[in-house]
């Protein structure tokens, strides 16, 4: 098997059905794996009834996206593992085209495509730089929006790159992430300390540190509804069925992930005063997000 597609699902039955139908219409052989993170909707029944050839992994409890990603990895047999959001829909030719590109470039560990939101704009989280203190400061103070093409002010989204040509990036989101399976032998599995958010940043950081390239391939496109399961993204709030409890937990998880990443990878890299200011900023952001 060349490609295993791993979809970690939580209460997105409608989008998941569309996602699976889209994959089956690709016209290529795929090993499709759905990991259900203890959904309370009809996701499991829907998969069993409508997609009997899909490998269904049922988690007994929701231990987070990274845990679900590892469960999918355990049963994947492909040379490549495509981590795909249940609300992501690649165009025909994208998956096999990206595999062909990676086959020809064996130094690439991860690749992603151009992700397009429902309103037609780019999902910039597919084209990210690492969240250094400066990159994060310019992002959360909106300086990168004022100077989107600046290499100095927009390191967060790498806005200075040519978005029409393939190029290397620091990281992409796990909702469309094609991973060469050999990468896991070098860097290990997903870090399950990240419940949701940040697990992709951490994984890409380890992949780059191990010497692999991460590529943005804009000649390939996928639609991304973005955040249907978490319910806190403006791009999908009108279709999300996330509970109030889930939304509260997701807001908290955004800043918990930031702290975890900084402690794991940047502790000792920057002066203590910088680290203190970073954590102060994260605490302030957390209060703001949990207030509104």
C-alpha atoms as a PDB file:
ATOM      1  CA  UNK A   1       0.000   0.000   0.000  1.00  0.00           C
ATOM      2  CA  UNK A   2       1.362   3.403  -1.004  1.00  0.00           C
ATOM      3  CA  UNK A   3      -0.809   5.794   1.027  1.00  0.00           C
ATOM      4  CA  UNK A   4      -2.641   5.402   4.311  1.00  0.00           C
ATOM      5  CA  UNK A   5      -5.089   8.225   5.062  1.00  0.00           C
ATOM      6  CA  UNK A   6      -5.670   8.772   8.775  1.00  0.00           C
ATOM      7  CA  UNK A   7      -8.695  10.840   9.804  1.00  0.00           C
ATOM      8  CA  UNK A   8      -9.175  11.559  13.499  1.00  0.00           C
ATOM      9  CA  UNK A   9     -12.849  12.315  14.006  1.00  0.00           C
ATOM     10  CA  UNK A  10     -14.806  13.845  16.854  1.00  0.00           C
ATOM     11  CA  UNK A  11     -18.504  14.563  16.372  1.00  0.00           C
ATOM     12  CA  UNK A  12     -18.303  15.591  12.702  1.00  0.00           C
ATOM     13  CA  UNK A  13     -20.431  12.875  11.103  1.00  0.00           C
ATOM     14  CA  UNK A  14     -21.727  15.023   8.236  1.00  0.00           C
ATOM     15  CA  UNK A  15     -18.333  16.380   7.222  1.00  0.00           C
ATOM     16  CA  UNK A  16     -16.716  12.977   7.689  1.00  0.00           C
ATOM     17  CA  UNK A  17     -19.182  11.393   5.275  1.00  0.00           C
ATOM     18  CA  UNK A  18     -18.376  14.034   2.665  1.00  0.00           C
ATOM     19  CA  UNK A  19     -14.655  13.578   3.329  1.00  0.00           C
ATOM     20  CA  UNK A  20     -14.803   9.814   2.825  1.00  0.00           C
ATOM     21  CA  UNK A  21     -16.888  10.121  -0.328  1.00  0.00           C
ATOM     22  CA  UNK A  22     -14.357  12.601  -1.671  1.00  0.00           C
ATOM     23  CA  UNK A  23     -11.483  10.204  -0.976  1.00  0.00           C
ATOM     24  CA  UNK A  24     -13.275   7.330  -2.677  1.00  0.00           C
ATOM     25  CA  UNK A  25     -13.811   9.513  -5.755  1.00  0.00           C
ATOM     26  CA  UNK A  26     -10.072  10.065  -6.166  1.00  0.00           C
ATOM     27  CA  UNK A  27      -9.728   7.005  -8.364  1.00  0.00           C
ATOM     28  CA  UNK A  28      -6.605   5.699  -6.593  1.00  0.00           C
ATOM     29  CA  UNK A  29      -5.951   2.901  -4.127  1.00  0.00           C
ATOM     30  CA  UNK A  30      -5.967   4.222  -0.567  1.00  0.00           C
ATOM     31  CA  UNK A  31      -5.945   2.649   2.850  1.00  0.00           C
ATOM     32  CA  UNK A  32      -8.478   4.818   4.682  1.00  0.00           C
ATOM     33  CA  UNK A  33      -8.412   4.767   8.476  1.00  0.00           C
ATOM     34  CA  UNK A  34     -10.925   6.602  10.645  1.00  0.00           C
ATOM     35  CA  UNK A  35     -10.048   6.988  14.299  1.00  0.00           C
ATOM     36  CA  UNK A  36     -13.146   8.001  16.211  1.00  0.00           C
ATOM     37  CA  UNK A  37     -12.336   9.824  19.435  1.00  0.00           C
ATOM     38  CA  UNK A  38     -15.375   8.628  21.396  1.00  0.00           C
ATOM     39  CA  UNK A  39     -17.879  10.739  19.453  1.00  0.00           C
ATOM     40  CA  UNK A  40     -21.364  11.186  20.870  1.00  0.00           C
ATOM     41  CA  UNK A  41     -22.958  11.624  17.433  1.00  0.00           C
ATOM     42  CA  UNK A  42     -23.588   8.896  14.832  1.00  0.00           C
ATOM     43  CA  UNK A  43     -20.090   8.979  13.320  1.00  0.00           C
ATOM     44  CA  UNK A  44     -19.240   5.354  14.117  1.00  0.00           C
ATOM     45  CA  UNK A  45     -22.558   3.985  12.870  1.00  0.00           C
ATOM     46  CA  UNK A  46     -22.322   6.148   9.752  1.00  0.00           C
ATOM     47  CA  UNK A  47     -18.887   4.757   8.858  1.00  0.00           C
ATOM     48  CA  UNK A  48     -19.899   1.159   9.526  1.00  0.00           C
ATOM     49  CA  UNK A  49     -23.062   1.460   7.453  1.00  0.00           C
ATOM     50  CA  UNK A  50     -21.803   3.465   4.499  1.00  0.00           C
ATOM     51  CA  UNK A  51     -18.088   2.663   4.307  1.00  0.00           C
ATOM     52  CA  UNK A  52     -17.509  -1.001   5.172  1.00  0.00           C
ATOM     53  CA  UNK A  53     -14.030  -1.001   3.600  1.00  0.00           C
ATOM     54  CA  UNK A  54     -12.777   1.827   5.798  1.00  0.00           C
ATOM     55  CA  UNK A  55     -10.687   0.735   8.772  1.00  0.00           C
ATOM     56  CA  UNK A  56     -12.484   2.015  11.851  1.00  0.00           C
ATOM     57  CA  UNK A  57     -10.599   2.464  15.113  1.00  0.00           C
ATOM     58  CA  UNK A  58     -12.808   3.311  18.078  1.00  0.00           C
ATOM     59  CA  UNK A  59     -11.105   5.079  20.968  1.00  0.00           C
ATOM     60  CA  UNK A  60     -12.756   4.319  24.303  1.00  0.00           C
ATOM     61  CA  UNK A  61     -12.279   7.911  25.391  1.00  0.00           C
ATOM     62  CA  UNK A  62     -11.161  11.163  23.810  1.00  0.00           C
ATOM     63  CA  UNK A  63      -7.511  11.505  24.765  1.00  0.00           C
ATOM     64  CA  UNK A  64      -6.839  14.144  22.141  1.00  0.00           C
ATOM     65  CA  UNK A  65      -5.775  14.562  18.557  1.00  0.00           C
ATOM     66  CA  UNK A  66      -2.188  13.374  19.029  1.00  0.00           C
ATOM     67  CA  UNK A  67      -3.391  10.181  20.724  1.00  0.00           C
ATOM     68  CA  UNK A  68      -5.837   9.552  17.896  1.00  0.00           C
ATOM     69  CA  UNK A  69      -3.120  10.185  15.336  1.00  0.00           C
ATOM     70  CA  UNK A  70      -0.950   7.560  17.009  1.00  0.00           C
ATOM     71  CA  UNK A  71      -3.812   5.051  17.025  1.00  0.00           C
ATOM     72  CA  UNK A  72      -4.143   5.550  13.273  1.00  0.00           C
ATOM     73  CA  UNK A  73      -0.407   5.212  12.776  1.00  0.00           C
ATOM     74  CA  UNK A  74      -0.427   1.844  14.551  1.00  0.00           C
ATOM     75  CA  UNK A  75      -2.639   0.277  11.877  1.00  0.00           C
ATOM     76  CA  UNK A  76      -1.318   2.201   8.849  1.00  0.00           C
ATOM     77  CA  UNK A  77       0.574   0.078   6.309  1.00  0.00           C
ATOM     78  CA  UNK A  78       1.350   2.684   3.638  1.00  0.00           C
ATOM     79  CA  UNK A  79       4.724   4.121   2.673  1.00  0.00           C
ATOM     80  CA  UNK A  80       3.128   7.515   3.302  1.00  0.00           C
ATOM     81  CA  UNK A  81       0.618   8.562   5.938  1.00  0.00           C
ATOM     82  CA  UNK A  82      -1.712  11.406   5.023  1.00  0.00           C
ATOM     83  CA  UNK A  83      -3.201  13.006   8.104  1.00  0.00           C
ATOM     84  CA  UNK A  84      -6.439  14.577   6.964  1.00  0.00           C
ATOM     85  CA  UNK A  85      -9.072  16.568   8.821  1.00  0.00           C
ATOM     86  CA  UNK A  86     -12.620  15.291   8.533  1.00  0.00           C
ATOM     87  CA  UNK A  87     -13.406  18.744   7.128  1.00  0.00           C
ATOM     88  CA  UNK A  88     -10.678  18.707   4.466  1.00  0.00           C
ATOM     89  CA  UNK A  89     -11.336  17.801   0.844  1.00  0.00           C
ATOM     90  CA  UNK A  90      -8.409  17.385  -1.570  1.00  0.00           C
ATOM     91  CA  UNK A  91      -9.046  17.881  -5.257  1.00  0.00           C
ATOM     92  CA  UNK A  92      -8.647  14.944  -7.598  1.00  0.00           C
ATOM     93  CA  UNK A  93      -4.999  14.249  -8.387  1.00  0.00           C
ATOM     94  CA  UNK A  94      -3.656  15.908  -5.254  1.00  0.00           C
ATOM     95  CA  UNK A  95      -2.742  12.803  -3.262  1.00  0.00           C
ATOM     96  CA  UNK A  96      -1.053  10.867  -6.055  1.00  0.00           C
ATOM     97  CA  UNK A  97       0.626  14.042  -7.310  1.00  0.00           C
ATOM     98  CA  UNK A  98       2.144  14.768  -3.922  1.00  0.00           C
ATOM     99  CA  UNK A  99       3.317  11.189  -3.545  1.00  0.00           C
ATOM    100  CA  UNK A 100       5.017  11.403  -6.928  1.00  0.00           C
ATOM    101  CA  UNK A 101       6.739  14.642  -5.855  1.00  0.00           C
ATOM    102  CA  UNK A 102       7.971  13.089  -2.608  1.00  0.00           C
ATOM    103  CA  UNK A 103       9.100   9.912  -4.355  1.00  0.00           C
ATOM    104  CA  UNK A 104      11.376  12.058  -6.509  1.00  0.00           C
ATOM    105  CA  UNK A 105      12.693  14.040  -3.520  1.00  0.00           C
ATOM    106  CA  UNK A 106      13.681  11.595  -0.810  1.00  0.00           C
ATOM    107  CA  UNK A 107      14.903  14.340   1.538  1.00  0.00           C
ATOM    108  CA  UNK A 108      11.317  15.547   2.045  1.00  0.00           C
ATOM    109  CA  UNK A 109       9.777  14.187   5.226  1.00  0.00           C
ATOM    110  CA  UNK A 110       6.503  16.122   5.152  1.00  0.00           C
ATOM    111  CA  UNK A 111       4.565  17.970   2.498  1.00  0.00           C
ATOM    112  CA  UNK A 112       1.327  19.888   2.425  1.00  0.00           C
ATOM    113  CA  UNK A 113      -0.759  21.513  -0.256  1.00  0.00           C
ATOM    114  CA  UNK A 114      -2.497  24.855  -0.696  1.00  0.00           C
ATOM    115  CA  UNK A 115      -5.443  24.838   1.690  1.00  0.00           C
ATOM    116  CA  UNK A 116      -8.362  27.048   0.725  1.00  0.00           C
ATOM    117  CA  UNK A 117     -11.050  28.106   3.188  1.00  0.00           C
ATOM    118  CA  UNK A 118     -14.770  28.181   2.450  1.00  0.00           C
ATOM    119  CA  UNK A 119     -14.599  31.902   1.625  1.00  0.00           C
ATOM    120  CA  UNK A 120     -11.869  31.315  -0.956  1.00  0.00           C
ATOM    121  CA  UNK A 121      -8.985  32.726   1.085  1.00  0.00           C
ATOM    122  CA  UNK A 122      -5.833  30.784   1.953  1.00  0.00           C
ATOM    123  CA  UNK A 123      -5.604  28.856   5.187  1.00  0.00           C
ATOM    124  CA  UNK A 124      -2.351  30.381   6.350  1.00  0.00           C
ATOM    125  CA  UNK A 125      -1.894  27.771   9.067  1.00  0.00           C
ATOM    126  CA  UNK A 126      -0.728  25.464   6.275  1.00  0.00           C
ATOM    127  CA  UNK A 127       2.197  27.830   5.682  1.00  0.00           C
ATOM    128  CA  UNK A 128       3.840  28.535   8.988  1.00  0.00           C
ATOM    129  CA  UNK A 129       7.120  29.482  10.553  1.00  0.00           C
ATOM    130  CA  UNK A 130       8.108  28.317  14.014  1.00  0.00           C
ATOM    131  CA  UNK A 131       6.641  30.387  16.873  1.00  0.00           C
ATOM    132  CA  UNK A 132       9.788  32.091  18.092  1.00  0.00           C
ATOM    133  CA  UNK A 133       9.225  34.950  20.558  1.00  0.00           C
ATOM    134  CA  UNK A 134       9.636  37.544  17.809  1.00  0.00           C
ATOM    135  CA  UNK A 135       7.452  35.730  15.273  1.00  0.00           C
ATOM    136  CA  UNK A 136       4.742  35.298  17.898  1.00  0.00           C
ATOM    137  CA  UNK A 137       4.951  38.908  19.064  1.00  0.00           C
ATOM    138  CA  UNK A 138       4.531  40.301  15.550  1.00  0.00           C
ATOM    139  CA  UNK A 139       1.641  37.917  14.919  1.00  0.00           C
ATOM    140  CA  UNK A 140      -0.395  38.593  18.048  1.00  0.00           C
ATOM    141  CA  UNK A 141       0.198  42.353  17.839  1.00  0.00           C
ATOM    142  CA  UNK A 142      -0.939  42.211  14.177  1.00  0.00           C
ATOM    143  CA  UNK A 143       2.316  43.709  12.889  1.00  0.00           C
ATOM    144  CA  UNK A 144       2.503  40.864  10.396  1.00  0.00           C
ATOM    145  CA  UNK A 145      -0.866  41.966   8.995  1.00  0.00           C
ATOM    146  CA  UNK A 146       0.476  45.489   8.477  1.00  0.00           C
ATOM    147  CA  UNK A 147       3.575  44.142   6.718  1.00  0.00           C
ATOM    148  CA  UNK A 148       2.462  40.814   5.203  1.00  0.00           C
ATOM    149  CA  UNK A 149       5.357  40.553   2.737  1.00  0.00           C
ATOM    150  CA  UNK A 150       8.055  41.490   5.246  1.00  0.00           C
ATOM    151  CA  UNK A 151      10.651  38.867   6.155  1.00  0.00           C
ATOM    152  CA  UNK A 152      11.216  40.783   9.396  1.00  0.00           C
ATOM    153  CA  UNK A 153       7.608  41.226  10.487  1.00  0.00           C
ATOM    154  CA  UNK A 154       5.880  38.169   9.034  1.00  0.00           C
ATOM    155  CA  UNK A 155       7.984  35.211  10.060  1.00  0.00           C
ATOM    156  CA  UNK A 156       4.876  33.607  11.555  1.00  0.00           C
ATOM    157  CA  UNK A 157       3.192  32.980   8.197  1.00  0.00           C
ATOM    158  CA  UNK A 158       6.315  33.306   6.018  1.00  0.00           C
ATOM    159  CA  UNK A 159       4.476  35.906   3.973  1.00  0.00           C
ATOM    160  CA  UNK A 160       7.580  36.879   2.039  1.00  0.00           C
ATOM    161  CA  UNK A 161       7.650  33.556   0.156  1.00  0.00           C
ATOM    162  CA  UNK A 162       6.338  33.055  -3.393  1.00  0.00           C
ATOM    163  CA  UNK A 163       3.015  31.293  -2.812  1.00  0.00           C
ATOM    164  CA  UNK A 164       2.797  30.173  -6.437  1.00  0.00           C
ATOM    165  CA  UNK A 165       5.875  27.926  -6.338  1.00  0.00           C
ATOM    166  CA  UNK A 166       6.914  24.919  -4.243  1.00  0.00           C
ATOM    167  CA  UNK A 167       9.175  25.882  -1.347  1.00  0.00           C
ATOM    168  CA  UNK A 168      10.308  24.821   2.080  1.00  0.00           C
ATOM    169  CA  UNK A 169       8.392  25.892   5.182  1.00  0.00           C
ATOM    170  CA  UNK A 170       8.804  25.270   8.898  1.00  0.00           C
ATOM    171  CA  UNK A 171       5.494  23.636   9.650  1.00  0.00           C
ATOM    172  CA  UNK A 172       1.961  22.890   8.501  1.00  0.00           C
ATOM    173  CA  UNK A 173      -1.210  21.831  10.267  1.00  0.00           C
ATOM    174  CA  UNK A 174      -2.083  18.193  10.743  1.00  0.00           C
ATOM    175  CA  UNK A 175      -5.355  18.567   8.849  1.00  0.00           C
ATOM    176  CA  UNK A 176      -3.467  18.001   5.610  1.00  0.00           C
ATOM    177  CA  UNK A 177      -0.044  16.587   6.321  1.00  0.00           C
ATOM    178  CA  UNK A 178       1.586  13.981   4.083  1.00  0.00           C
ATOM    179  CA  UNK A 179       4.272  12.199   6.127  1.00  0.00           C
ATOM    180  CA  UNK A 180       6.861   9.775   4.836  1.00  0.00           C
ATOM    181  CA  UNK A 181       6.384   6.857   7.203  1.00  0.00           C
ATOM    182  CA  UNK A 182      10.135   6.428   7.694  1.00  0.00           C
ATOM    183  CA  UNK A 183      10.081   9.787   9.475  1.00  0.00           C
ATOM    184  CA  UNK A 184       8.397   8.209  12.486  1.00  0.00           C
ATOM    185  CA  UNK A 185      11.313   5.776  12.824  1.00  0.00           C
ATOM    186  CA  UNK A 186      13.627   8.774  13.225  1.00  0.00           C
ATOM    187  CA  UNK A 187      11.618  11.203  15.337  1.00  0.00           C
ATOM    188  CA  UNK A 188       9.087   9.033  17.142  1.00  0.00           C
ATOM    189  CA  UNK A 189       5.333   9.309  17.357  1.00  0.00           C
ATOM    190  CA  UNK A 190       3.034  12.239  18.072  1.00  0.00           C
ATOM    191  CA  UNK A 191       3.535  13.747  21.522  1.00  0.00           C
ATOM    192  CA  UNK A 192       0.341  12.964  23.413  1.00  0.00           C
ATOM    193  CA  UNK A 193       1.033  15.673  25.990  1.00  0.00           C
ATOM    194  CA  UNK A 194      -0.541  17.949  23.369  1.00  0.00           C
ATOM    195  CA  UNK A 195      -4.280  17.302  23.624  1.00  0.00           C
ATOM    196  CA  UNK A 196      -5.203  19.423  20.619  1.00  0.00           C
ATOM    197  CA  UNK A 197      -3.379  22.375  19.022  1.00  0.00           C
ATOM    198  CA  UNK A 198       0.403  22.407  18.982  1.00  0.00           C
ATOM    199  CA  UNK A 199       0.850  18.714  18.258  1.00  0.00           C
ATOM    200  CA  UNK A 200       1.641  19.546  14.635  1.00  0.00           C
ATOM    201  CA  UNK A 201       4.032  22.362  15.605  1.00  0.00           C
ATOM    202  CA  UNK A 202       5.898  19.998  17.913  1.00  0.00           C
ATOM    203  CA  UNK A 203       6.011  17.191  15.350  1.00  0.00           C
ATOM    204  CA  UNK A 204       7.254  19.447  12.543  1.00  0.00           C
ATOM    205  CA  UNK A 205       9.887  20.935  14.843  1.00  0.00           C
ATOM    206  CA  UNK A 206      11.272  17.467  15.568  1.00  0.00           C
ATOM    207  CA  UNK A 207      11.123  16.493  11.887  1.00  0.00           C
ATOM    208  CA  UNK A 208      13.085  19.580  10.809  1.00  0.00           C
ATOM    209  CA  UNK A 209      15.580  19.075  13.629  1.00  0.00           C
ATOM    210  CA  UNK A 210      16.175  15.540  12.353  1.00  0.00           C
ATOM    211  CA  UNK A 211      17.185  16.962   8.966  1.00  0.00           C
ATOM    212  CA  UNK A 212      14.072  16.375   6.875  1.00  0.00           C
ATOM    213  CA  UNK A 213      12.511  19.031   4.652  1.00  0.00           C
ATOM    214  CA  UNK A 214       8.916  20.189   4.969  1.00  0.00           C
ATOM    215  CA  UNK A 215       7.479  21.408   1.674  1.00  0.00           C
ATOM    216  CA  UNK A 216       4.567  23.596   0.646  1.00  0.00           C
ATOM    217  CA  UNK A 217       3.257  22.450  -2.750  1.00  0.00           C
ATOM    218  CA  UNK A 218       0.791  25.073  -4.061  1.00  0.00           C
ATOM    219  CA  UNK A 219       0.244  23.277  -7.342  1.00  0.00           C
ATOM    220  CA  UNK A 220      -2.050  20.995  -5.333  1.00  0.00           C
ATOM    221  CA  UNK A 221      -5.208  22.240  -3.608  1.00  0.00           C
ATOM    222  CA  UNK A 222      -7.622  21.098  -0.925  1.00  0.00           C
ATOM    223  CA  UNK A 223     -10.655  22.787   0.599  1.00  0.00           C
ATOM    224  CA  UNK A 224     -10.554  23.132   4.385  1.00  0.00           C
ATOM    225  CA  UNK A 225     -13.632  24.048   6.401  1.00  0.00           C
ATOM    226  CA  UNK A 226     -11.353  24.480   9.451  1.00  0.00           C
ATOM    227  CA  UNK A 227     -12.273  23.772  13.029  1.00  0.00           C
ATOM    228  CA  UNK A 228     -15.635  22.049  12.703  1.00  0.00           C
ATOM    229  CA  UNK A 229     -14.941  19.701  15.622  1.00  0.00           C
ATOM    230  CA  UNK A 230     -13.617  22.365  18.030  1.00  0.00           C
ATOM    231  CA  UNK A 231     -16.263  25.022  17.439  1.00  0.00           C
ATOM    232  CA  UNK A 232     -14.125  28.096  18.147  1.00  0.00           C
ATOM    233  CA  UNK A 233     -13.055  28.965  14.609  1.00  0.00           C
ATOM    234  CA  UNK A 234     -14.959  31.759  12.912  1.00  0.00           C
ATOM    235  CA  UNK A 235     -14.540  29.942   9.591  1.00  0.00           C
ATOM    236  CA  UNK A 236     -16.845  27.101  10.666  1.00  0.00           C
ATOM    237  CA  UNK A 237     -18.904  28.274  13.635  1.00  0.00           C
ATOM    238  CA  UNK A 238     -22.057  28.234  11.513  1.00  0.00           C
ATOM    239  CA  UNK A 239     -21.767  24.480  10.850  1.00  0.00           C
ATOM    240  CA  UNK A 240     -19.993  23.266  13.989  1.00  0.00           C
ATOM    241  CA  UNK A 241     -21.997  21.209  16.473  1.00  0.00           C
ATOM    242  CA  UNK A 242     -19.392  21.433  19.220  1.00  0.00           C
ATOM    243  CA  UNK A 243     -20.853  21.680  22.714  1.00  0.00           C
ATOM    244  CA  UNK A 244     -20.246  24.627  25.026  1.00  0.00           C
ATOM    245  CA  UNK A 245     -18.044  22.371  27.141  1.00  0.00           C
ATOM    246  CA  UNK A 246     -15.931  21.457  24.125  1.00  0.00           C
ATOM    247  CA  UNK A 247     -15.539  25.101  23.127  1.00  0.00           C
ATOM    248  CA  UNK A 248     -14.342  26.079  26.600  1.00  0.00           C
ATOM    249  CA  UNK A 249     -11.842  23.232  26.642  1.00  0.00           C
ATOM    250  CA  UNK A 250     -10.582  24.102  23.166  1.00  0.00           C
ATOM    251  CA  UNK A 251      -9.979  27.740  24.072  1.00  0.00           C
ATOM    252  CA  UNK A 252      -7.938  26.647  27.059  1.00  0.00           C
ATOM    253  CA  UNK A 253      -6.032  24.123  24.960  1.00  0.00           C
ATOM    254  CA  UNK A 254      -4.795  26.790  22.528  1.00  0.00           C
ATOM    255  CA  UNK A 255      -2.670  28.512  25.154  1.00  0.00           C
ATOM    256  CA  UNK A 256      -1.835  25.318  27.076  1.00  0.00           C
ATOM    257  CA  UNK A 257      -0.195  24.086  23.865  1.00  0.00           C
ATOM    258  CA  UNK A 258       1.875  27.263  23.561  1.00  0.00           C
ATOM    259  CA  UNK A 259       3.286  26.838  27.058  1.00  0.00           C
ATOM    260  CA  UNK A 260       4.026  23.173  26.480  1.00  0.00           C
ATOM    261  CA  UNK A 261       5.868  23.855  23.234  1.00  0.00           C
ATOM    262  CA  UNK A 262       7.985  26.637  24.747  1.00  0.00           C
ATOM    263  CA  UNK A 263       8.927  24.553  27.772  1.00  0.00           C
ATOM    264  CA  UNK A 264       9.815  21.557  25.604  1.00  0.00           C
ATOM    265  CA  UNK A 265      11.779  23.229  22.823  1.00  0.00           C
ATOM    266  CA  UNK A 266      12.735  26.788  23.772  1.00  0.00           C
ATOM    267  CA  UNK A 267      13.577  26.446  27.458  1.00  0.00           C
ATOM    268  CA  UNK A 268      17.194  27.517  27.806  1.00  0.00           C
ATOM    269  CA  UNK A 269      17.373  28.825  24.243  1.00  0.00           C
ATOM    270  CA  UNK A 270      16.361  32.385  25.137  1.00  0.00           C
ATOM    271  CA  UNK A 271      17.328  34.553  28.134  1.00  0.00           C
ATOM    272  CA  UNK A 272      15.150  34.120  31.220  1.00  0.00           C
ATOM    273  CA  UNK A 273      13.711  37.604  30.848  1.00  0.00           C
ATOM    274  CA  UNK A 274      12.462  36.726  27.349  1.00  0.00           C
ATOM    275  CA  UNK A 275      10.979  33.458  28.581  1.00  0.00           C
ATOM    276  CA  UNK A 276       9.220  35.271  31.425  1.00  0.00           C
ATOM    277  CA  UNK A 277       7.743  37.800  29.006  1.00  0.00           C
ATOM    278  CA  UNK A 278       6.611  35.006  26.689  1.00  0.00           C
ATOM    279  CA  UNK A 279       4.739  33.213  29.468  1.00  0.00           C
ATOM    280  CA  UNK A 280       3.287  36.502  30.672  1.00  0.00           C
ATOM    281  CA  UNK A 281       2.005  37.129  27.164  1.00  0.00           C
ATOM    282  CA  UNK A 282       0.522  33.628  26.936  1.00  0.00           C
ATOM    283  CA  UNK A 283      -1.273  34.096  30.269  1.00  0.00           C
ATOM    284  CA  UNK A 284      -2.695  37.400  29.059  1.00  0.00           C
ATOM    285  CA  UNK A 285      -3.839  35.827  25.796  1.00  0.00           C
ATOM    286  CA  UNK A 286      -5.444  32.992  27.734  1.00  0.00           C
ATOM    287  CA  UNK A 287      -7.447  35.412  29.866  1.00  0.00           C
ATOM    288  CA  UNK A 288      -8.588  37.331  26.798  1.00  0.00           C
ATOM    289  CA  UNK A 289      -9.664  34.195  24.951  1.00  0.00           C
ATOM    290  CA  UNK A 290     -11.547  32.835  27.940  1.00  0.00           C
ATOM    291  CA  UNK A 291     -13.294  36.158  28.496  1.00  0.00           C
ATOM    292  CA  UNK A 292     -14.721  36.579  25.013  1.00  0.00           C
END
